[in-house]
Every structure is written in structure tokens, then in C-alpha cells.
C-alpha atoms as a PDB file:
ATOM      1  CA  MET A   1     103.587 122.044 100.920  1.00  0.00           C
ATOM      2  CA  LYS A   2     102.425 125.842  99.757  1.00  0.00           C
ATOM      3  CA  THR A   3      98.454 126.363 100.941  1.00  0.00           C
ATOM      4  CA  ASN A   4      96.956 126.724  97.669  1.00  0.00           C
ATOM      5  CA  THR A   5      98.098 123.011  97.029  1.00  0.00           C
ATOM      6  CA  VAL A   6      96.748 121.922 100.505  1.00  0.00           C
ATOM      7  CA  ILE A   7      93.173 123.901  99.636  1.00  0.00           C
ATOM      8  CA  ARG A   8      93.457 122.109  96.001  1.00  0.00           C
ATOM      9  CA  PHE A   9      94.015 118.914  97.284  1.00  0.00           C
ATOM     10  CA  VAL A  10      90.921 119.322  99.989  1.00  0.00           C
ATOM     11  CA  LEU A  11      88.149 120.951  97.696  1.00  0.00           C
ATOM     12  CA  ALA A  12      89.541 117.305  95.544  1.00  0.00           C
ATOM     13  CA  ALA A  13      88.726 114.657  97.825  1.00  0.00           C
ATOM     14  CA  LEU A  14      85.495 116.523  98.760  1.00  0.00           C
ATOM     15  CA  ALA A  15      84.603 116.636  95.848  1.00  0.00           C
ATOM     16  CA  GLY A  16      85.327 112.967  94.964  1.00  0.00           C
ATOM     17  CA  VAL A  17      83.148 112.496  98.153  1.00  0.00           C
ATOM     18  CA  GLY A  18      80.250 114.508  96.230  1.00  0.00           C
ATOM     19  CA  ALA A  19      80.673 112.564  93.027  1.00  0.00           C
ATOM     20  CA  VAL A  20      80.657 108.878  94.645  1.00  0.00           C
ATOM     21  CA  ALA A  21      77.654 109.809  97.131  1.00  0.00           C
ATOM     22  CA  TYR A  22      75.659 111.066  93.532  1.00  0.00           C
ATOM     23  CA  ALA A  23      76.881 108.366  91.711  1.00  0.00           C
ATOM     24  CA  GLN A  24      75.279 106.067  94.336  1.00  0.00           C
ATOM     25  CA  LYS A  25      72.123 107.957  94.733  1.00  0.00           C
ATOM     26  CA  VAL A  26      71.757 108.129  90.247  1.00  0.00           C
ATOM     27  CA  VAL A  27      73.950 106.283  88.244  1.00  0.00           C
ATOM     28  CA  PRO A  28      74.527 102.737  88.785  1.00  0.00           C
ATOM     29  CA  VAL A  29      77.833 101.179  89.206  1.00  0.00           C
ATOM     30  CA  GLY A  30      78.825  99.527  86.142  1.00  0.00           C
ATOM     31  CA  PRO A  31      80.870  96.494  85.941  1.00  0.00           C
ATOM     32  CA  LYS A  32      84.935  96.356  86.315  1.00  0.00           C
ATOM     33  CA  HIS A  33      86.040  95.901  82.315  1.00  0.00           C
ATOM     34  CA  ASP A  34      89.457  93.704  81.950  1.00  0.00           C
ATOM     35  CA  SER A  35      89.645  95.062  78.208  1.00  0.00           C
ATOM     36  CA  GLY A  36      88.513  97.549  75.698  1.00  0.00           C
ATOM     37  CA  GLN A  37      88.577 100.696  77.981  1.00  0.00           C
ATOM     38  CA  SER A  38      90.328 104.052  77.581  1.00  0.00           C
ATOM     39  CA  VAL A  39      93.309 105.250  78.362  1.00  0.00           C
ATOM     40  CA  THR A  40      92.949 109.159  79.952  1.00  0.00           C
ATOM     41  CA  PRO A  41      96.144 111.052  80.423  1.00  0.00           C
ATOM     42  CA  SER A  42      96.609 112.836  83.786  1.00  0.00           C
ATOM     43  CA  TYR A  43      98.220 116.634  84.825  1.00  0.00           C
ATOM     44  CA  GLU A  44      99.900 116.152  88.344  1.00  0.00           C
ATOM     45  CA  GLY A  45     100.788 119.669  88.675  1.00  0.00           C
ATOM     46  CA  TRP A  46     103.855 121.703  87.568  1.00  0.00           C
ATOM     47  CA  PHE A  47     107.333 122.809  89.592  1.00  0.00           C
ATOM     48  CA  GLN A  48     110.422 125.259  89.097  1.00  0.00           C
ATOM     49  CA  ASN A  49     113.401 123.784  88.613  1.00  0.00           C
ATOM     50  CA  PRO A  50     116.705 125.569  89.980  1.00  0.00           C
ATOM     51  CA  ASP A  51     117.794 126.802  86.808  1.00  0.00           C
ATOM     52  CA  GLY A  52     114.317 128.720  86.437  1.00  0.00           C
ATOM     53  CA  THR A  53     112.907 126.314  83.711  1.00  0.00           C
ATOM     54  CA  TYR A  54     109.778 124.724  84.820  1.00  0.00           C
ATOM     55  CA  SER A  55     108.432 121.047  85.023  1.00  0.00           C
ATOM     56  CA  LEU A  56     105.293 119.776  83.951  1.00  0.00           C
ATOM     57  CA  MET A  57     104.310 116.077  85.558  1.00  0.00           C
ATOM     58  CA  PHE A  58     102.228 113.621  83.946  1.00  0.00           C
ATOM     59  CA  GLY A  59     100.815 110.143  84.514  1.00  0.00           C
ATOM     60  CA  TYR A  60      97.337 108.332  83.122  1.00  0.00           C
ATOM     61  CA  PHE A  61      94.786 106.163  83.833  1.00  0.00           C
ATOM     62  CA  ASN A  62      94.004 103.352  81.842  1.00  0.00           C
ATOM     63  CA  ARG A  63      90.449 101.836  83.038  1.00  0.00           C
ATOM     64  CA  ASN A  64      91.048  98.282  81.994  1.00  0.00           C
ATOM     65  CA  TYR A  65      91.728  95.787  84.698  1.00  0.00           C
ATOM     66  CA  THR A  66      94.097  93.581  82.910  1.00  0.00           C
ATOM     67  CA  GLU A  67      94.898  95.244  79.257  1.00  0.00           C
ATOM     68  CA  GLN A  68      97.941  96.678  78.647  1.00  0.00           C
ATOM     69  CA  VAL A  69      97.669  99.223  75.813  1.00  0.00           C
ATOM     70  CA  ASP A  70      99.947 100.351  73.373  1.00  0.00           C
ATOM     71  CA  VAL A  71      99.562 103.400  71.643  1.00  0.00           C
ATOM     72  CA  PRO A  72     102.321 104.270  69.710  1.00  0.00           C
ATOM     73  CA  ILE A  73     103.767 108.208  68.701  1.00  0.00           C
ATOM     74  CA  GLY A  74     101.751 110.174  66.837  1.00  0.00           C
ATOM     75  CA  PRO A  75      97.985 111.196  65.780  1.00  0.00           C
ATOM     76  CA  GLU A  76      96.533 108.649  68.887  1.00  0.00           C
ATOM     77  CA  ASN A  77      99.558 109.642  70.939  1.00  0.00           C
ATOM     78  CA  LYS A  78     100.602 113.304  70.649  1.00  0.00           C
ATOM     79  CA  PHE A  79     101.702 116.689  72.348  1.00  0.00           C
ATOM     80  CA  GLU A  80     100.952 119.871  71.251  1.00  0.00           C
ATOM     81  CA  PRO A  81     102.085 122.463  70.370  1.00  0.00           C
ATOM     82  CA  GLY A  82     105.698 121.440  69.509  1.00  0.00           C
ATOM     83  CA  PRO A  83     106.949 117.925  69.003  1.00  0.00           C
ATOM     84  CA  ALA A  84     104.453 115.538  69.179  1.00  0.00           C
ATOM     85  CA  ASP A  85     107.088 113.060  71.347  1.00  0.00           C
ATOM     86  CA  ARG A  86     107.905 114.820  74.567  1.00  0.00           C
ATOM     87  CA  GLY A  87     109.189 111.409  76.484  1.00  0.00           C
ATOM     88  CA  GLN A  88     105.419 110.104  77.482  1.00  0.00           C
ATOM     89  CA  PRO A  89     104.912 106.157  77.384  1.00  0.00           C
ATOM     90  CA  THR A  90     103.759 103.882  74.441  1.00  0.00           C
ATOM     91  CA  HIS A  91     102.705 101.365  76.790  1.00  0.00           C
ATOM     92  CA  PHE A  92      99.816 101.597  79.583  1.00  0.00           C
ATOM     93  CA  GLN A  93      99.658  99.331  82.233  1.00  0.00           C
ATOM     94  CA  PRO A  94      96.514  98.921  83.849  1.00  0.00           C
ATOM     95  CA  ARG A  95      94.624 101.445  86.461  1.00  0.00           C
ATOM     96  CA  ARG A  96      96.268 104.358  87.668  1.00  0.00           C
ATOM     97  CA  ALA A  97      99.962 105.500  87.068  1.00  0.00           C
ATOM     98  CA  TRP A  98     101.226 108.659  89.270  1.00  0.00           C
ATOM     99  CA  GLY A  99     103.623 111.370  87.793  1.00  0.00           C
ATOM    100  CA  VAL A 100     106.048 108.729  85.455  1.00  0.00           C
ATOM    101  CA  PHE A 101     107.303 111.290  83.610  1.00  0.00           C
ATOM    102  CA  THR A 102     108.042 114.977  83.742  1.00  0.00           C
ATOM    103  CA  VAL A 103     108.038 117.647  80.421  1.00  0.00           C
ATOM    104  CA  THR A 104     110.346 120.454  80.787  1.00  0.00           C
ATOM    105  CA  VAL A 105     109.217 123.876  79.425  1.00  0.00           C
ATOM    106  CA  PRO A 106     111.460 127.249  79.340  1.00  0.00           C
ATOM    107  CA  LYS A 107     111.586 129.782  81.857  1.00  0.00           C
ATOM    108  CA  ASP A 108     109.554 132.053  79.419  1.00  0.00           C
ATOM    109  CA  PHE A 109     106.786 129.662  78.940  1.00  0.00           C
ATOM    110  CA  GLY A 110     103.979 132.336  80.673  1.00  0.00           C
ATOM    111  CA  SER A 111     100.206 131.272  80.001  1.00  0.00           C
ATOM    112  CA  ASN A 112     100.909 128.834  77.451  1.00  0.00           C
ATOM    113  CA  LYS A 113      99.660 125.513  77.801  1.00  0.00           C
ATOM    114  CA  LEU A 114     100.813 121.673  76.231  1.00  0.00           C
ATOM    115  CA  THR A 115      97.974 119.388  75.894  1.00  0.00           C
ATOM    116  CA  TRP A 116      98.498 115.580  76.052  1.00  0.00           C
ATOM    117  CA  THR A 117      96.352 113.385  73.807  1.00  0.00           C
ATOM    118  CA  LEU A 118      95.656 109.438  73.938  1.00  0.00           C
ATOM    119  CA  THR A 119      93.422 107.891  71.878  1.00  0.00           C
ATOM    120  CA  ALA A 120      92.719 104.082  72.482  1.00  0.00           C
ATOM    121  CA  ASN A 121      90.055 101.449  72.243  1.00  0.00           C
ATOM    122  CA  GLY A 122      88.567 104.468  70.055  1.00  0.00           C
ATOM    123  CA  GLU A 123      88.171 106.942  73.024  1.00  0.00           C
ATOM    124  CA  THR A 124      90.042 110.017  72.555  1.00  0.00           C
ATOM    125  CA  THR A 125      91.114 112.385  75.570  1.00  0.00           C
ATOM    126  CA  SER A 126      92.902 115.242  76.404  1.00  0.00           C
ATOM    127  CA  ILE A 127      94.604 116.938  78.985  1.00  0.00           C
ATOM    128  CA  PRO A 128      95.710 120.689  78.870  1.00  0.00           C
ATOM    129  CA  ALA A 129      98.775 121.430  80.979  1.00  0.00           C
ATOM    130  CA  SER A 130      99.542 124.620  82.146  1.00  0.00           C
ATOM    131  CA  LEU A 131     101.501 126.904  84.942  1.00  0.00           C
ATOM    132  CA  ASP A 132      98.441 128.185  86.514  1.00  0.00           C
ATOM    133  CA  PRO A 133      99.307 128.736  90.378  1.00  0.00           C
ATOM    134  CA  LEU A 134      96.150 125.893  91.530  1.00  0.00           C
ATOM    135  CA  TRP A 135      98.560 123.004  89.841  1.00  0.00           C
ATOM    136  CA  VAL A 136     101.887 124.436  91.620  1.00  0.00           C
ATOM    137  CA  ILE A 137     103.159 121.265  93.603  1.00  0.00           C
ATOM    138  CA  GLU A 138     106.262 120.354  95.711  1.00  0.00           C
ATOM    139  CA  PRO A 139     107.190 116.892  94.240  1.00  0.00           C
ATOM    140  CA  LEU A 140     110.983 116.842  97.022  1.00  0.00           C
ATOM    141  CA  LYS A 141     109.230 117.694 100.535  1.00  0.00           C
ATOM    142  CA  ASP A 142     105.417 117.027 102.044  1.00  0.00           C
ATOM    143  CA  THR A 143     103.692 118.813 104.823  1.00  0.00           C
ATOM    144  CA  SER A 144     105.647 116.590 107.284  1.00  0.00           C
ATOM    145  CA  ASN A 145     109.112 117.106 105.950  1.00  0.00           C
ATOM    146  CA  ASN A 146     109.246 113.829 104.216  1.00  0.00           C
ATOM    147  CA  THR A 147     111.496 113.985 101.018  1.00  0.00           C
ATOM    148  CA  PRO A 148     111.421 110.665  97.653  1.00  0.00           C
ATOM    149  CA  PRO A 149     113.465 107.914  98.035  1.00  0.00           C
ATOM    150  CA  TYR A 150     116.872 108.307  96.100  1.00  0.00           C
ATOM    151  CA  LEU A 151     118.225 106.132  93.512  1.00  0.00           C
ATOM    152  CA  ALA A 152     121.098 105.047  91.751  1.00  0.00           C
ATOM    153  CA  PHE A 153     122.426 102.376  88.823  1.00  0.00           C
ATOM    154  CA  SER A 154     125.540 101.919  91.158  1.00  0.00           C
ATOM    155  CA  ASP A 155     126.844 101.589  94.758  1.00  0.00           C
ATOM    156  CA  THR A 156     129.158 104.706  94.131  1.00  0.00           C
ATOM    157  CA  GLY A 157     126.626 106.930  92.207  1.00  0.00           C
ATOM    158  CA  THR A 158     125.022 109.313  90.837  1.00  0.00           C
ATOM    159  CA  PHE A 159     122.204 109.134  93.648  1.00  0.00           C
ATOM    160  CA  VAL A 160     118.756 111.444  92.218  1.00  0.00           C
ATOM    161  CA  GLN A 161     115.514 111.745  93.940  1.00  0.00           C
ATOM    162  CA  GLY A 162     112.244 113.059  92.614  1.00  0.00           C
ATOM    163  CA  PRO A 163     110.129 112.538  89.652  1.00  0.00           C
ATOM    164  CA  GLN A 164     112.575 114.050  87.228  1.00  0.00           C
ATOM    165  CA  GLY A 165     115.018 110.957  87.975  1.00  0.00           C
ATOM    166  CA  GLN A 166     117.636 109.532  85.604  1.00  0.00           C
ATOM    167  CA  SER A 167     118.197 107.120  83.300  1.00  0.00           C
ATOM    168  CA  SER A 168     120.917 104.727  82.252  1.00  0.00           C
ATOM    169  CA  SER A 169     121.558 102.560  78.790  1.00  0.00           C
ATOM    170  CA  LEU A 170     122.072  98.904  78.588  1.00  0.00           C
ATOM    171  CA  SER A 171     122.147  95.869  75.359  1.00  0.00           C
ATOM    172  CA  ALA A 172     120.221  92.981  75.769  1.00  0.00           C
ATOM    173  CA  THR A 173     119.597  89.987  73.601  1.00  0.00           C
ATOM    174  CA  VAL A 174     116.214  88.459  72.188  1.00  0.00           C
ATOM    175  CA  GLY A 175     115.399  85.668  75.048  1.00  0.00           C
ATOM    176  CA  LYS A 176     118.294  86.442  77.413  1.00  0.00           C
ATOM    177  CA  PRO A 177     117.306  87.973  80.829  1.00  0.00           C
ATOM    178  CA  LEU A 178     119.332  90.951  81.540  1.00  0.00           C
ATOM    179  CA  GLU A 179     119.975  92.233  85.373  1.00  0.00           C
ATOM    180  CA  LEU A 180     118.680  95.446  86.451  1.00  0.00           C
ATOM    181  CA  PRO A 181     120.505  96.240  89.691  1.00  0.00           C
ATOM    182  CA  LEU A 182     119.341  99.751  91.670  1.00  0.00           C
ATOM    183  CA  TRP A 183     120.705 100.886  95.133  1.00  0.00           C
ATOM    184  CA  VAL A 184     118.450 102.771  97.250  1.00  0.00           C
ATOM    185  CA  ALA A 185     118.180 105.279  99.758  1.00  0.00           C
ATOM    186  CA  ASP A 186     115.760 106.986 102.281  1.00  0.00           C
ATOM    187  CA  ASP A 187     115.494 109.002 104.857  1.00  0.00           C
ATOM    188  CA  ALA A 188     112.462 106.687 106.782  1.00  0.00           C
ATOM    189  CA  SER A 189     110.441 109.763 107.252  1.00  0.00           C
ATOM    190  CA  VAL A 190     106.485 108.958 107.811  1.00  0.00           C
ATOM    191  CA  ALA A 191     103.760 111.734 109.302  1.00  0.00           C
ATOM    192  CA  PRO A 192     104.218 112.770 112.936  1.00  0.00           C
ATOM    193  CA  GLY A 193     102.413 110.148 115.178  1.00  0.00           C
ATOM    194  CA  ALA A 194     102.435 107.562 112.399  1.00  0.00           C
ATOM    195  CA  THR A 195     103.818 104.039 113.631  1.00  0.00           C
ATOM    196  CA  LYS A 196     106.550 102.844 111.136  1.00  0.00           C
ATOM    197  CA  PRO A 197     105.764  99.582 109.420  1.00  0.00           C
ATOM    198  CA  ARG A 198     108.447  96.903 109.660  1.00  0.00           C
ATOM    199  CA  THR A 199     108.958  96.263 106.060  1.00  0.00           C
ATOM    200  CA  PRO A 200     111.319  98.514 104.157  1.00  0.00           C
ATOM    201  CA  PRO A 201     110.383 102.399 103.711  1.00  0.00           C
ATOM    202  CA  VAL A 202     110.602 101.758 100.097  1.00  0.00           C
ATOM    203  CA  THR A 203     109.270  99.676  97.259  1.00  0.00           C
ATOM    204  CA  LEU A 204     110.154  99.722  93.345  1.00  0.00           C
ATOM    205  CA  LEU A 205     107.651  98.618  91.173  1.00  0.00           C
ATOM    206  CA  TRP A 206     108.777  97.895  87.473  1.00  0.00           C
ATOM    207  CA  ASN A 207     107.256  98.394  83.879  1.00  0.00           C
ATOM    208  CA  LYS A 208     107.907  98.163  80.537  1.00  0.00           C
ATOM    209  CA  PHE A 209     107.641 102.148  79.361  1.00  0.00           C
ATOM    210  CA  ARG A 210     107.901 101.385  75.684  1.00  0.00           C
ATOM    211  CA  GLY A 211     108.644  99.282  73.014  1.00  0.00           C
ATOM    212  CA  PRO A 212     107.886  96.753  70.052  1.00  0.00           C
ATOM    213  CA  GLY A 213     107.574  93.434  71.918  1.00  0.00           C
ATOM    214  CA  GLN A 214     107.158  92.565  75.314  1.00  0.00           C
ATOM    215  CA  VAL A 215     108.994  92.267  78.605  1.00  0.00           C
ATOM    216  CA  THR A 216     109.370  89.655  81.137  1.00  0.00           C
ATOM    217  CA  PHE A 217     110.189  90.440  85.021  1.00  0.00           C
ATOM    218  CA  SER A 218     111.366  87.880  86.837  1.00  0.00           C
ATOM    219  CA  SER A 219     109.809  90.377  89.812  1.00  0.00           C
ATOM    220  CA  GLN A 220     108.019  93.475  88.597  1.00  0.00           C
ATOM    221  CA  ARG A 221     108.252  94.603  92.340  1.00  0.00           C
ATOM    222  CA  PRO A 222     111.348  93.140  93.839  1.00  0.00           C
ATOM    223  CA  GLY A 223     112.386  93.364  97.446  1.00  0.00           C
ATOM    224  CA  ILE A 224     115.100  95.858  98.329  1.00  0.00           C
ATOM    225  CA  GLN A 225     117.899  94.196 100.931  1.00  0.00           C
ATOM    226  CA  GLU A 226     119.809  96.281 103.078  1.00  0.00           C
ATOM    227  CA  ALA A 227     123.316  97.217 102.371  1.00  0.00           C
ATOM    228  CA  GLN A 228     126.625  99.149 103.013  1.00  0.00           C
ATOM    229  CA  PHE A 229     127.701 101.805 100.412  1.00  0.00           C
ATOM    230  CA  SER A 230     128.248 105.747 100.324  1.00  0.00           C
ATOM    231  CA  ALA A 231     124.651 106.955 100.844  1.00  0.00           C
ATOM    232  CA  PRO A 232     123.649 110.478 100.193  1.00  0.00           C
ATOM    233  CA  PRO A 233     123.384 112.877 103.315  1.00  0.00           C
ATOM    234  CA  ASN A 234     120.725 112.577 106.157  1.00  0.00           C
ATOM    235  CA  THR A 235     119.149 109.094 104.584  1.00  0.00           C
ATOM    236  CA  VAL A 236     118.920 106.014 107.388  1.00  0.00           C
ATOM    237  CA  PHE A 237     117.853 103.207 105.228  1.00  0.00           C
ATOM    238  CA  HIS A 238     120.583 101.774 102.471  1.00  0.00           C
ATOM    239  CA  GLY A 239     119.555  99.369 100.668  1.00  0.00           C
ATOM    240  CA  LYS A 240     120.100  97.097  96.581  1.00  0.00           C
ATOM    241  CA  SER A 241     117.500  95.520  94.971  1.00  0.00           C
ATOM    242  CA  VAL A 242     117.960  93.247  91.760  1.00  0.00           C
ATOM    243  CA  THR A 243     115.657  92.298  89.244  1.00  0.00           C
ATOM    244  CA  THR A 244     115.869  90.729  85.491  1.00  0.00           C
ATOM    245  CA  ALA A 245     114.156  91.737  82.031  1.00  0.00           C
ATOM    246  CA  THR A 246     113.421  89.368  79.789  1.00  0.00           C
ATOM    247  CA  PHE A 247     112.799  90.713  75.769  1.00  0.00           C
ATOM    248  CA  SER A 248     110.524  88.851  73.334  1.00  0.00           C
ATOM    249  CA  GLU A 249     111.603  90.563  70.129  1.00  0.00           C
ATOM    250  CA  PRO A 250     114.803  92.971  69.233  1.00  0.00           C
ATOM    251  CA  GLY A 251     114.650  96.710  68.922  1.00  0.00           C
ATOM    252  CA  ASP A 252     114.658  99.627  71.136  1.00  0.00           C
ATOM    253  CA  TYR A 253     112.576  99.899  74.853  1.00  0.00           C
ATOM    254  CA  VAL A 254     112.633 102.060  77.770  1.00  0.00           C
ATOM    255  CA  LEU A 255     112.265 100.664  81.130  1.00  0.00           C
ATOM    256  CA  HIS A 256     110.836 102.205  83.850  1.00  0.00           C
ATOM    257  CA  VAL A 257     111.065 101.772  87.991  1.00  0.00           C
ATOM    258  CA  ILE A 258     109.159 104.221  90.308  1.00  0.00           C
ATOM    259  CA  ALA A 259     110.473 103.619  93.990  1.00  0.00           C
ATOM    260  CA  ASN A 260     107.872 105.276  96.538  1.00  0.00           C
ATOM    261  CA  ASP A 261     108.847 105.538 100.042  1.00  0.00           C
ATOM    262  CA  TRP A 262     105.722 104.670 103.495  1.00  0.00           C
ATOM    263  CA  SER A 263     103.603 107.575 101.966  1.00  0.00           C
ATOM    264  CA  GLY A 264     102.174 104.916  98.908  1.00  0.00           C
ATOM    265  CA  GLU A 265     101.700 105.704  95.438  1.00  0.00           C
ATOM    266  CA  GLY A 266     100.338 109.362  94.914  1.00  0.00           C
ATOM    267  CA  GLY A 267     101.808 110.149  98.128  1.00  0.00           C
ATOM    268  CA  ARG A 268      98.853 110.009  99.801  1.00  0.00           C
ATOM    269  CA  GLY A 269      97.309 112.704  97.075  1.00  0.00           C
ATOM    270  CA  PHE A 270     100.081 115.271  98.231  1.00  0.00           C
ATOM    271  CA  VAL A 271     101.859 114.439  95.195  1.00  0.00           C
ATOM    272  CA  CYS A 272     105.214 113.970  96.483  1.00  0.00           C
ATOM    273  CA  CYS A 273     107.361 111.600  96.952  1.00  0.00           C
ATOM    274  CA  TRP A 274     108.747 109.153  94.793  1.00  0.00           C
ATOM    275  CA  THR A 275     111.659 109.040  92.272  1.00  0.00           C
ATOM    276  CA  ASN A 276     111.606 107.468  88.708  1.00  0.00           C
ATOM    277  CA  ALA A 277     114.533 106.213  86.141  1.00  0.00           C
ATOM    278  CA  GLN A 278     114.331 104.762  83.114  1.00  0.00           C
ATOM    279  CA  VAL A 279     116.632 102.196  81.390  1.00  0.00           C
ATOM    280  CA  LYS A 280     116.894 102.348  77.968  1.00  0.00           C
ATOM    281  CA  VAL A 281     117.835  99.320  76.087  1.00  0.00           C
ATOM    282  CA  GLN A 282     118.718  98.051  72.905  1.00  0.00           C
ATOM    283  CA  VAL A 283     117.792  94.759  72.312  1.00  0.00           C
ATOM    284  CA  LYS A 284     119.840  92.447  69.303  1.00  0.00           C
END
């Protein structure tokens, strides 16, 4: 990770401590809200792609503890300038979601900005994204040389790692469970001196990303069983996971799965190391 990224992380942490201390002295702690609160877009940072283009990475914070908020693409869920639809979610799970999608911008993006605006429960929030050097990240390797897990939709690949991820397309029938298998590989790396947990080094979380109806997973956090297959080099854990999704009504859906390694959600604040994947489902 580059020096300015580490500095930004430390300053953010110190600022957070100061904010908490100030809140404890001046602002009374409010109650937890199950519903009725806003959803705030989050800009995680940017990184350069091998072809010279750039990826801007985004997540969100749904302030509700139970309400799942739907905001269709349009005036209340848009990017500016240019196309309003940049692949962002229209369904928002409760609480924080780190780096769930990226937007690719051209080599000559320069000092331009992209702004993501969300209106949820009557409150509008926006986040600008740019190539400011203070926001450069390295999502494919952290300071301890840890790298993200690999994901594939079959035992023969293609295996992809990192927040850009990959997608596949399936079809399903209303009310009938759709099987969602994944193959996982990881380097099982932890910070120097840390003790490796006994659990598998990768955890998975499935969510609805877009779609008109409800999606019920047999398990949103399915287990991963060790498996043998031709895995990417420099990986020591290889496993397979299966869950199912059932759809309440017909239409076009996008399901999202994120694979976190032992560094956990958000990579301990270092914006590394996780992998995204999407499954587009046409439900009849």
C-alpha cells in the first residue's frame, strides 16, 4: 500500500476517535433505528487498471438496522455527469457495504469528477469521486502482501480476484430454488505474527443487488467445503460453496456475492482484500 494511503487511513482513524470523543461530550447518543433512515453512498478510492484506465470503487451505508431499501435508477439513484446508470445497486442491505462495485473511467479522466446521488426515506446524499492522489488504493495487495480470494463459477474457472470481479447469467422460475455454486481459492495469508484462525480463510456473503421482487437465500453466508480442482498458483486453500436463491416474482435480477479473507470486511480499513462477483438472473 502506498504511503499516502496509509497516512489517509491513520488520519481517518484519528479523526474518528476525535469525533467519537466529541460526541460523547456534547451530542447525546441517539436510538438505533430499524427503518426510516437514509442510505449514504460511499467512495472507497481509485486504482489504475493494466490498460491505463481507472476504476472508481463505491460502497454504501444504510443507516437502518433492519429496513432493506430499494431505490430504482433515476432521479433518486443516479450518477452525474453522463449516464445515470453506472452499475450501482438499487437494493440496499442494512448497515455498511464495502466496495460492492466499481466504475471504469478513461485514461484521460484527469481532474474530472463523478458524483453518485441517493435519495432514501426523503433524505438526499451525494458523494463525489475523483482521481485525487489521497484516494489511491491498492485492492489487490495490502501492506503484509495479502491478496484477495479468487472466485469462479465452475471448477475450471475463470478465476478472478479483486473488487472488479466477474459476472455470469442464469435463468430461474418463480418460487423454485436456483442453485448458486462457487469455487474459491485463497493464499490464506495473515498479518505477520498473527495467529491463523481455525475456520476457513474465506467467508461469503450473498445479497440481492437489483430486481423487482424478494430474494430468499437458503443461506446468505454459506459454508465453504475443501475441494480439489485446478486452482490459481500461490493459493493454499481451495473450496466449493453452494447456496440457493428463490425469487418471489418474475423479472431481471442481479445477485451479488462478496468473498472476504481473514482480514475481514473492509480489510481492516486498508481497502483490501476482497472479491466481488455478480449473477444476472432472468426469472420467468
